[in-house]
Protein backbone atom coordinates (compact mmCIF):
# COMPACT_ATOMS: atom_id res chain seq x y z
CA LYS A 1 -47.08 12.55 49.10
CA GLY A 2 -50.27 11.77 47.25
CA ASN A 3 -51.58 15.39 47.18
CA TYR A 4 -52.04 15.63 43.42
CA ASN A 5 -54.26 18.75 43.40
CA GLU A 6 -51.46 20.78 45.00
CA ALA A 7 -48.77 19.16 42.78
CA ILE A 8 -50.46 20.03 39.46
CA PRO A 9 -49.61 23.80 39.54
CA TYR A 10 -46.01 22.99 40.36
CA TYR A 11 -45.86 20.51 37.50
CA GLU A 12 -47.32 23.14 35.15
CA LYS A 13 -44.83 25.78 36.32
CA ALA A 14 -41.97 23.30 35.93
CA LEU A 15 -43.28 22.47 32.45
CA GLU A 16 -43.21 26.17 31.51
CA ILE A 17 -39.62 26.45 32.71
CA PHE A 18 -38.51 23.30 30.84
CA ASP A 19 -40.29 24.45 27.67
CA ARG A 20 -38.60 27.85 27.95
CA THR A 21 -35.12 26.35 28.51
CA GLY A 22 -35.63 23.64 25.85
CA ASN A 23 -34.99 20.74 28.20
CA LEU A 24 -37.06 18.08 26.43
CA HIS A 25 -36.12 15.22 28.73
CA TYR A 26 -37.48 16.85 31.89
CA ALA A 27 -40.44 18.26 29.96
CA LYS A 28 -41.27 14.66 28.93
CA ILE A 29 -41.06 13.44 32.54
CA THR A 30 -43.15 16.38 33.81
CA ASN A 31 -45.88 15.70 31.18
CA GLN A 32 -45.94 12.06 32.30
CA ASN A 33 -46.35 13.14 35.92
CA LEU A 34 -49.07 15.64 34.87
CA TYR A 35 -50.88 12.81 33.03
CA ILE A 36 -50.78 10.67 36.19
CA ALA A 37 -51.92 13.59 38.41
CA TYR A 38 -54.78 14.58 36.03
CA SER A 39 -55.85 10.97 35.70
CA ILE A 40 -56.04 10.55 39.45
CA VAL A 41 -58.03 13.76 39.98
CA ASN A 42 -60.36 12.78 37.04
CA LYS A 43 -59.46 15.55 34.61
CA ARG A 44 -59.52 13.35 31.51
CA GLU A 45 -59.11 16.05 28.86
CA LYS A 46 -56.05 17.59 30.52
CA ALA A 47 -54.72 14.08 31.20
CA SER A 48 -55.14 13.22 27.50
CA LEU A 49 -53.42 16.44 26.47
CA ALA A 50 -50.52 15.75 28.87
CA GLN A 51 -50.30 12.19 27.51
CA GLN A 52 -50.20 13.49 23.92
CA ARG A 53 -47.45 15.99 24.76
CA TYR A 54 -45.60 13.18 26.56
CA GLU A 55 -45.81 10.95 23.44
CA VAL A 56 -44.67 13.78 21.15
CA LEU A 57 -41.70 14.58 23.38
CA LYS A 58 -40.88 10.87 23.75
CA ASP A 59 -40.92 10.41 19.96
CA SER A 60 -38.90 13.61 19.50
CA LEU A 61 -36.28 12.52 22.02
CA GLU A 62 -36.09 9.01 20.53
CA SER A 63 -35.77 10.54 17.07
CA LYS A 64 -32.95 12.81 18.27
CA GLU A 65 -31.27 9.87 19.94
CA ARG A 66 -31.60 7.82 16.78
CA LYS A 67 -30.28 10.68 14.68
CA THR A 68 -27.37 11.13 17.08
CA LEU A 69 -26.71 7.40 17.08
CA ILE A 70 -26.88 7.28 13.29
CA ALA A 71 -24.60 10.29 13.00
CA ASP A 72 -22.13 8.69 15.46
CA MET A 73 -22.23 5.41 13.56
CA GLN A 74 -21.77 7.23 10.23
CA THR A 75 -18.83 9.15 11.63
CA LYS A 76 -17.30 5.95 12.99
CA TYR A 77 -17.86 4.22 9.62
CA ASP A 78 -16.32 7.10 7.72
CA THR A 79 -13.37 7.22 10.11
CA GLU A 80 -12.76 3.48 9.80
CA LYS A 81 -13.18 3.69 6.02
CA ILE A 82 -10.61 6.50 5.79
CA LYS A 83 -8.29 4.62 8.12
CA SER A 84 -8.56 1.43 6.05
CA GLU A 85 -8.02 3.38 2.84
CA LYS A 86 -4.95 5.01 4.38
CA ASP A 87 -3.61 1.60 5.48
CA LEU A 88 -4.29 0.22 2.01
CA ALA A 89 -2.49 3.13 0.39
CA GLU A 90 0.50 2.68 2.74
CA LYS A 91 0.62 -1.02 1.95
CA GLN A 92 0.43 -0.35 -1.79
CA LEU A 93 3.23 2.17 -1.38
CA GLN A 94 5.32 -0.42 0.43
CA ILE A 95 4.57 -2.99 -2.26
CA SER A 96 5.49 -0.58 -5.04
CA THR A 97 8.68 0.39 -3.18
CA LEU A 98 9.60 -3.26 -2.76
CA GLU A 99 8.81 -4.02 -6.41
CA SER A 100 10.89 -1.03 -7.49
CA SER A 101 13.75 -2.25 -5.32
CA LYS A 102 13.37 -5.76 -6.70
CA ASN A 103 13.32 -4.49 -10.29
CA ARG A 104 16.39 -2.32 -9.64
CA ASN A 105 18.25 -5.26 -8.08
CA LEU A 106 17.19 -7.48 -10.97
CA PHE A 107 18.42 -4.88 -13.47
CA ILE A 108 21.74 -4.50 -11.67
CA GLY A 109 22.15 -8.30 -11.48
CA SER A 110 21.30 -8.70 -15.16
CA SER A 111 23.73 -5.90 -16.06
CA ILE A 112 26.50 -7.56 -14.05
CA ILE A 113 25.81 -10.93 -15.65
CA ALA A 114 25.77 -9.35 -19.13
CA ALA A 115 29.05 -7.55 -18.39
CA LEU A 116 30.66 -10.79 -17.16
CA ILE A 117 29.47 -12.66 -20.25
CA LEU A 118 30.82 -9.89 -22.49
CA LEU A 119 34.13 -9.81 -20.61
CA SER A 120 34.52 -13.61 -20.76
CA SER A 121 33.62 -13.57 -24.47
CA LEU A 122 36.27 -10.91 -25.11
CA ILE A 123 38.85 -12.90 -23.15
CA TYR A 124 37.93 -16.12 -24.97
CA TYR A 125 38.05 -14.35 -28.35
CA SER A 126 41.44 -12.77 -27.58
CA ARG A 127 42.82 -16.15 -26.46
CA LEU A 128 41.47 -17.80 -29.60
CA LYS A 129 43.00 -15.05 -31.73
CA ALA A 130 46.33 -15.38 -29.88
CA LYS A 131 46.26 -19.15 -30.36
CA LYS A 132 45.61 -18.83 -34.09
CA GLN A 133 48.36 -16.23 -34.35
CA ALA A 134 50.72 -18.59 -32.54
CA GLU A 135 49.78 -21.39 -34.93
CA ILE A 136 50.41 -19.11 -37.92
CA ILE A 137 53.78 -18.05 -36.52
CA THR A 138 54.62 -21.74 -35.88
CA LEU A 139 53.69 -22.66 -39.46
CA GLU A 140 55.71 -19.74 -40.83
CA LEU A 141 58.65 -20.80 -38.70
CA LYS A 142 58.42 -24.37 -39.96
CA GLU A 143 58.22 -23.14 -43.56
CA THR A 144 61.16 -20.85 -42.99
CA GLN A 145 63.11 -23.73 -41.46
CA LYS A 146 62.21 -25.95 -44.45
CA ARG A 147 63.25 -23.20 -46.87
CA LEU A 148 66.46 -22.67 -44.95
CA ALA A 149 67.08 -26.40 -44.96
CA LEU A 150 66.44 -26.49 -48.71
CA GLU A 151 68.72 -23.49 -49.25
CA LYS A 152 71.41 -25.18 -47.13
CA GLN A 153 71.04 -28.34 -49.15
CA TYR A 154 71.16 -26.27 -52.33
CA LYS A 155 74.29 -24.49 -51.15
CA ASP A 156 75.80 -27.76 -49.97
CA SER A 157 75.03 -29.22 -53.40
CA GLU A 158 76.63 -26.24 -55.13
CA LEU A 159 79.59 -26.48 -52.81
CA LYS A 160 79.95 -30.20 -53.65
CA ALA A 161 79.62 -29.42 -57.33
CA LEU A 162 82.28 -26.74 -57.09
CA LYS A 163 84.57 -29.07 -55.13
CA ALA A 164 83.97 -31.76 -57.70
CA GLN A 165 84.83 -29.35 -60.51
CA MET A 166 87.90 -28.23 -58.69
CA ASN A 167 88.98 -31.78 -58.13
């Protein structure tokens, strides 16, 4: 209302209450109002003191706000860092799981191919062995037939010789 002389005691009482309760924000505003009131009623020393307290409280509040902001930003950074590390670890786990699965499938496939090659080699070898055995048996049979044919001729010759002697 413009009655600054009457307002000054109320401001001072309010300032005592805010200082006692630790409410720095309202203490800062009250010191600013005291500075204005003292300046208007020409009490320069008290105005200067109120201005100094206002500046100190302002700096203190700004410092607290900065510290709070820095702490919040640090917490946010740490949280995001942990989250990204967790995501990275999960992705590396997925990659290692997929690589393990790929290696297992590759091993199984290689084992199957090796088994098929071994089986086909055994079958081929057994067929080759059976073919050679058949050839040997065929040669023995032919030799036996030749020997039998020779023996028959020999016996026929003997028989003819005996018949000739008898005649």
